[in-house]
Protein backbone atom coordinates (compact mmCIF):
# COMPACT_ATOMS: atom_id res chain seq x y z
CA ASP A 1 227.17 185.65 99.96
CA PRO A 2 226.37 184.09 97.00
CA GLN A 3 228.15 181.44 95.59
CA PHE A 4 229.27 179.14 92.31
CA SER A 5 230.32 176.46 92.19
CA LEU A 6 233.18 175.49 89.25
CA ASP A 7 231.36 174.88 86.42
CA GLY A 8 228.81 177.42 87.00
CA LYS A 9 226.24 175.86 86.46
CA LYS A 10 225.00 175.69 90.85
CA LEU A 11 224.68 178.47 93.10
CA VAL A 12 224.62 178.27 97.15
CA TYR A 13 223.31 180.87 99.55
CA LEU A 14 221.67 181.92 102.33
CA VAL A 15 218.40 183.38 103.35
CA ALA A 16 218.84 184.29 106.75
CA ASN A 17 215.10 185.32 109.08
CA THR A 18 215.55 188.94 111.06
CA VAL A 19 213.79 191.24 113.29
CA GLN A 20 214.08 194.26 114.30
CA GLN A 21 214.68 195.80 117.08
CA ASN A 22 216.15 199.08 117.99
CA GLY A 23 215.82 200.47 114.62
CA GLU A 24 218.90 198.25 113.71
CA HIS A 25 218.14 194.31 112.01
CA LYS A 26 218.86 191.14 113.94
CA ILE A 27 219.49 187.71 112.58
CA LEU A 28 217.30 184.87 114.19
CA SER A 29 218.15 182.20 112.10
CA SER A 30 220.30 181.36 108.71
CA GLU A 31 219.53 179.03 106.91
CA ILE A 32 221.84 177.64 103.32
CA TRP A 33 220.40 176.39 100.05
CA THR A 34 221.34 175.69 96.81
CA ALA A 35 220.32 176.32 93.46
CA ASN A 36 220.49 175.78 90.15
CA ARG A 37 221.66 178.53 87.47
CA ASP A 38 218.53 179.83 86.55
CA GLY A 39 216.92 179.54 90.18
CA SER A 40 215.27 176.04 89.54
CA GLY A 41 216.02 173.41 92.47
CA ALA A 42 215.98 175.12 95.03
CA LYS A 43 216.95 172.98 98.45
CA ARG A 44 217.23 174.21 101.85
CA LEU A 45 220.52 172.30 103.22
CA THR A 46 220.06 173.46 106.91
CA LYS A 47 217.12 174.33 109.38
CA GLY A 48 216.81 176.77 111.82
CA ARG A 49 220.24 177.43 113.03
CA VAL A 50 223.12 180.90 112.27
CA ASP A 51 224.79 178.87 109.02
CA GLY A 52 226.96 180.71 106.76
CA ASN A 53 230.22 181.46 104.61
CA ALA A 54 229.62 178.40 102.94
CA ARG A 55 231.66 177.16 100.25
CA TRP A 56 232.14 174.99 97.50
CA SER A 57 235.32 172.44 97.72
CA PRO A 58 237.63 172.61 94.81
CA ASP A 59 235.88 169.40 93.22
CA GLY A 60 232.57 170.97 93.62
CA LYS A 61 231.24 167.95 95.89
CA ARG A 62 230.73 169.10 98.93
CA ILE A 63 230.07 173.08 100.67
CA ALA A 64 231.82 174.50 103.50
CA PHE A 65 229.74 176.43 105.63
CA LEU A 66 229.91 177.60 109.60
CA SER A 67 227.68 176.47 111.48
CA GLY A 68 225.58 177.86 114.68
CA ALA A 69 224.95 174.17 115.56
CA ASP A 70 225.10 173.49 119.93
CA VAL A 71 227.98 171.02 119.10
CA TYR A 72 229.00 168.53 122.73
């Protein structure tokens, strides 16, 4: 579910680490990454959790996402 910033210069996307069990793929972790439109400058924003549904804020300065991190 890649999402381009409003100016079209940046991309936010998900990288999922999976394992196959009983013929089905199970997500072990999913991380949020950003990159320039041409794929250069890739940068991981989250690590080792199950995160997803990343969306740019209307001003293009922030990224909101659902996090699988434990919150206490």
